[in-house]
C-alpha atoms as a PDB file:
ATOM      1  CA  UNK A   1      -0.393  -0.057   0.232  1.00  0.00           C
ATOM      2  CA  UNK A   2       1.161   3.117  -1.211  1.00  0.00           C
ATOM      3  CA  UNK A   3       1.267   6.114   1.053  1.00  0.00           C
ATOM      4  CA  UNK A   4       0.080   9.415   0.232  1.00  0.00           C
ATOM      5  CA  UNK A   5       2.789  12.822   0.038  1.00  0.00           C
ATOM      6  CA  UNK A   6       0.790  13.735   3.326  1.00  0.00           C
ATOM      7  CA  UNK A   7       0.784  10.868   5.095  1.00  0.00           C
ATOM      8  CA  UNK A   8       4.601  10.566   4.754  1.00  0.00           C
ATOM      9  CA  UNK A   9       5.281  13.920   5.714  1.00  0.00           C
ATOM     10  CA  UNK A  10       3.398  12.842   8.519  1.00  0.00           C
ATOM     11  CA  UNK A  11       5.076  10.134   9.465  1.00  0.00           C
ATOM     12  CA  UNK A  12       8.131  12.190   8.906  1.00  0.00           C
ATOM     13  CA  UNK A  13       6.939  14.459  11.584  1.00  0.00           C
ATOM     14  CA  UNK A  14       6.001  12.093  14.112  1.00  0.00           C
ATOM     15  CA  UNK A  15       9.481  10.390  13.410  1.00  0.00           C
ATOM     16  CA  UNK A  16      10.802  14.052  14.381  1.00  0.00           C
ATOM     17  CA  UNK A  17       8.542  14.835  17.365  1.00  0.00           C
ATOM     18  CA  UNK A  18       9.405  11.161  19.097  1.00  0.00           C
ATOM     19  CA  UNK A  19      13.547  11.889  18.360  1.00  0.00           C
ATOM     20  CA  UNK A  20      13.003  15.303  20.690  1.00  0.00           C
ATOM     21  CA  UNK A  21      12.587  13.371  23.794  1.00  0.00           C
ATOM     22  CA  UNK A  22      14.953  11.009  25.573  1.00  0.00           C
ATOM     23  CA  UNK A  23      13.303   7.769  25.676  1.00  0.00           C
ATOM     24  CA  UNK A  24      14.378   4.451  24.011  1.00  0.00           C
ATOM     25  CA  UNK A  25      11.838   4.816  20.666  1.00  0.00           C
ATOM     26  CA  UNK A  26      13.272   8.323  20.277  1.00  0.00           C
ATOM     27  CA  UNK A  27      16.718   7.181  19.998  1.00  0.00           C
ATOM     28  CA  UNK A  28      15.820   4.850  17.526  1.00  0.00           C
ATOM     29  CA  UNK A  29      13.868   7.673  15.154  1.00  0.00           C
ATOM     30  CA  UNK A  30      16.121  10.137  15.807  1.00  0.00           C
ATOM     31  CA  UNK A  31      19.206   7.637  14.610  1.00  0.00           C
ATOM     32  CA  UNK A  32      16.995   6.792  11.847  1.00  0.00           C
ATOM     33  CA  UNK A  33      16.604  10.531  10.602  1.00  0.00           C
ATOM     34  CA  UNK A  34      20.132  10.944  10.806  1.00  0.00           C
ATOM     35  CA  UNK A  35      21.067   7.929   9.406  1.00  0.00           C
ATOM     36  CA  UNK A  36      19.063   9.607   6.496  1.00  0.00           C
ATOM     37  CA  UNK A  37      20.138  13.099   6.604  1.00  0.00           C
ATOM     38  CA  UNK A  38      23.589  11.872   6.670  1.00  0.00           C
ATOM     39  CA  UNK A  39      24.231   7.556   6.537  1.00  0.00           C
ATOM     40  CA  UNK A  40      28.198   7.831   6.183  1.00  0.00           C
ATOM     41  CA  UNK A  41      28.597   9.562   9.197  1.00  0.00           C
ATOM     42  CA  UNK A  42      25.698   8.003  11.327  1.00  0.00           C
ATOM     43  CA  UNK A  43      24.914   4.386   9.837  1.00  0.00           C
ATOM     44  CA  UNK A  44      21.694   3.048  10.968  1.00  0.00           C
ATOM     45  CA  UNK A  45      21.725  -0.189  12.422  1.00  0.00           C
ATOM     46  CA  UNK A  46      18.250  -1.824  10.842  1.00  0.00           C
ATOM     47  CA  UNK A  47      17.774  -4.033  14.142  1.00  0.00           C
ATOM     48  CA  UNK A  48      17.001  -1.038  15.864  1.00  0.00           C
ATOM     49  CA  UNK A  49      13.401  -0.981  14.212  1.00  0.00           C
ATOM     50  CA  UNK A  50      12.874  -3.606  16.252  1.00  0.00           C
ATOM     51  CA  UNK A  51      12.149  -0.935  19.275  1.00  0.00           C
ATOM     52  CA  UNK A  52       9.674   0.948  18.057  1.00  0.00           C
ATOM     53  CA  UNK A  53       5.744   0.107  18.116  1.00  0.00           C
ATOM     54  CA  UNK A  54       3.619  -0.522  15.499  1.00  0.00           C
ATOM     55  CA  UNK A  55       2.441   3.016  14.551  1.00  0.00           C
ATOM     56  CA  UNK A  56       6.318   4.513  14.688  1.00  0.00           C
ATOM     57  CA  UNK A  57       7.138   1.279  12.568  1.00  0.00           C
ATOM     58  CA  UNK A  58       4.917   2.476   9.950  1.00  0.00           C
ATOM     59  CA  UNK A  59       6.041   5.863  10.060  1.00  0.00           C
ATOM     60  CA  UNK A  60       9.844   4.908   9.787  1.00  0.00           C
ATOM     61  CA  UNK A  61       8.867   2.866   6.694  1.00  0.00           C
ATOM     62  CA  UNK A  62       6.570   5.503   5.186  1.00  0.00           C
ATOM     63  CA  UNK A  63       9.842   7.943   5.579  1.00  0.00           C
ATOM     64  CA  UNK A  64      12.350   5.030   4.130  1.00  0.00           C
ATOM     65  CA  UNK A  65       9.744   4.866   0.931  1.00  0.00           C
ATOM     66  CA  UNK A  66       9.512   8.864   0.882  1.00  0.00           C
ATOM     67  CA  UNK A  67      13.312   9.176   1.120  1.00  0.00           C
ATOM     68  CA  UNK A  68      14.186   6.051  -1.432  1.00  0.00           C
ATOM     69  CA  UNK A  69      11.901   8.650  -4.295  1.00  0.00           C
ATOM     70  CA  UNK A  70      14.556   9.975  -5.948  1.00  0.00           C
ATOM     71  CA  UNK A  71      12.006  12.666  -7.009  1.00  0.00           C
ATOM     72  CA  UNK A  72      12.226  14.205  -3.271  1.00  0.00           C
ATOM     73  CA  UNK A  73      15.071  15.922  -1.919  1.00  0.00           C
ATOM     74  CA  UNK A  74      16.886  14.720   1.283  1.00  0.00           C
ATOM     75  CA  UNK A  75      14.879  14.493   4.594  1.00  0.00           C
ATOM     76  CA  UNK A  76      16.154  17.931   6.248  1.00  0.00           C
ATOM     77  CA  UNK A  77      15.220  19.564   2.538  1.00  0.00           C
ATOM     78  CA  UNK A  78      11.874  18.145   2.932  1.00  0.00           C
ATOM     79  CA  UNK A  79      11.294  19.475   6.402  1.00  0.00           C
ATOM     80  CA  UNK A  80      13.005  22.889   5.705  1.00  0.00           C
ATOM     81  CA  UNK A  81      10.293  23.292   2.435  1.00  0.00           C
ATOM     82  CA  UNK A  82       7.014  21.856   4.443  1.00  0.00           C
ATOM     83  CA  UNK A  83       7.671  24.644   7.213  1.00  0.00           C
ATOM     84  CA  UNK A  84       9.795  27.611   5.477  1.00  0.00           C
ATOM     85  CA  UNK A  85      12.752  27.455   7.439  1.00  0.00           C
ATOM     86  CA  UNK A  86      16.068  26.959   6.100  1.00  0.00           C
ATOM     87  CA  UNK A  87      17.440  25.279   9.776  1.00  0.00           C
ATOM     88  CA  UNK A  88      17.131  21.467   9.798  1.00  0.00           C
ATOM     89  CA  UNK A  89      20.042  20.648   8.754  1.00  0.00           C
ATOM     90  CA  UNK A  90      21.678  22.454  11.914  1.00  0.00           C
ATOM     91  CA  UNK A  91      19.334  20.985  14.331  1.00  0.00           C
ATOM     92  CA  UNK A  92      19.686  16.896  13.275  1.00  0.00           C
ATOM     93  CA  UNK A  93      23.719  18.175  13.782  1.00  0.00           C
ATOM     94  CA  UNK A  94      22.383  19.515  17.115  1.00  0.00           C
ATOM     95  CA  UNK A  95      20.470  16.030  17.803  1.00  0.00           C
ATOM     96  CA  UNK A  96      23.410  14.140  16.478  1.00  0.00           C
ATOM     97  CA  UNK A  97      25.571  15.573  19.068  1.00  0.00           C
ATOM     98  CA  UNK A  98      23.367  15.779  22.247  1.00  0.00           C
ATOM     99  CA  UNK A  99      22.618  11.481  21.440  1.00  0.00           C
ATOM    100  CA  UNK A 100      26.341  11.664  21.660  1.00  0.00           C
ATOM    101  CA  UNK A 101      26.649   9.710  18.153  1.00  0.00           C
ATOM    102  CA  UNK A 102      30.360   9.059  16.249  1.00  0.00           C
ATOM    103  CA  UNK A 103      30.521  11.073  13.734  1.00  0.00           C
ATOM    104  CA  UNK A 104      28.496  14.105  15.725  1.00  0.00           C
ATOM    105  CA  UNK A 105      30.243  17.377  15.340  1.00  0.00           C
ATOM    106  CA  UNK A 106      32.190  18.763  18.705  1.00  0.00           C
ATOM    107  CA  UNK A 107      30.373  21.275  20.615  1.00  0.00           C
ATOM    108  CA  UNK A 108      32.941  23.606  19.058  1.00  0.00           C
ATOM    109  CA  UNK A 109      31.949  23.021  15.817  1.00  0.00           C
ATOM    110  CA  UNK A 110      28.150  22.922  15.910  1.00  0.00           C
ATOM    111  CA  UNK A 111      26.470  25.579  14.236  1.00  0.00           C
ATOM    112  CA  UNK A 112      25.353  28.670  16.302  1.00  0.00           C
ATOM    113  CA  UNK A 113      22.112  27.996  14.500  1.00  0.00           C
ATOM    114  CA  UNK A 114      19.054  24.925  15.408  1.00  0.00           C
ATOM    115  CA  UNK A 115      20.302  24.448  18.952  1.00  0.00           C
ATOM    116  CA  UNK A 116      17.460  23.151  21.280  1.00  0.00           C
ATOM    117  CA  UNK A 117      14.219  21.261  21.094  1.00  0.00           C
ATOM    118  CA  UNK A 118      11.482  21.856  18.276  1.00  0.00           C
ATOM    119  CA  UNK A 119       8.612  19.848  18.322  1.00  0.00           C
ATOM    120  CA  UNK A 120       6.596  20.597  15.112  1.00  0.00           C
ATOM    121  CA  UNK A 121       2.798  21.508  15.313  1.00  0.00           C
ATOM    122  CA  UNK A 122       1.693  19.434  12.081  1.00  0.00           C
ATOM    123  CA  UNK A 123       1.559  20.113   8.361  1.00  0.00           C
ATOM    124  CA  UNK A 124       1.309  23.738   7.684  1.00  0.00           C
ATOM    125  CA  UNK A 125      -1.699  24.688   5.290  1.00  0.00           C
ATOM    126  CA  UNK A 126      -1.883  24.570   2.329  1.00  0.00           C
ATOM    127  CA  UNK A 127      -0.075  21.402   2.003  1.00  0.00           C
ATOM    128  CA  UNK A 128      -2.428  20.046  -0.325  1.00  0.00           C
ATOM    129  CA  UNK A 129       0.307  19.331  -2.826  1.00  0.00           C
ATOM    130  CA  UNK A 130       3.295  18.904  -0.567  1.00  0.00           C
ATOM    131  CA  UNK A 131       5.127  16.999  -3.645  1.00  0.00           C
ATOM    132  CA  UNK A 132       4.875  20.167  -5.648  1.00  0.00           C
ATOM    133  CA  UNK A 133       7.121  21.912  -3.379  1.00  0.00           C
ATOM    134  CA  UNK A 134       9.563  19.271  -2.133  1.00  0.00           C
ATOM    135  CA  UNK A 135      10.482  18.020  -5.865  1.00  0.00           C
ATOM    136  CA  UNK A 136      11.641  21.091  -6.927  1.00  0.00           C
ATOM    137  CA  UNK A 137      15.020  20.570  -5.916  1.00  0.00           C
ATOM    138  CA  UNK A 138      15.827  16.796  -7.192  1.00  0.00           C
ATOM    139  CA  UNK A 139      18.831  15.209  -5.365  1.00  0.00           C
ATOM    140  CA  UNK A 140      21.660  14.507  -7.201  1.00  0.00           C
END
């Protein structure tokens, strides 16, 4: 069953919001998002998905499907465009640092922008065709 673009964006928001906490599932969501952001620096062990409840596991699969679509930009750019921001890459760097992941920036090299947790309140309106905005820049 293919999810709609809106469903995939909602799944990304759900993973993002869970990653802002400090539970076991939060760590899995954070590492998954970071793996999609930069898999070389933040490799993700797929067996970690076993730690997610069924709703988060479905969200993870939706986000993986979104990321596999070469017409979508990278995960931080999807969030930037959906919310009219430019700091989600920096926020992911801070997330990696706060989870003390190998490959994370040192505190001295962290971007000044994007510090602190940020919960997303859902998709901004109008998002009638979220893929149109997200697909304006195709990944190389």
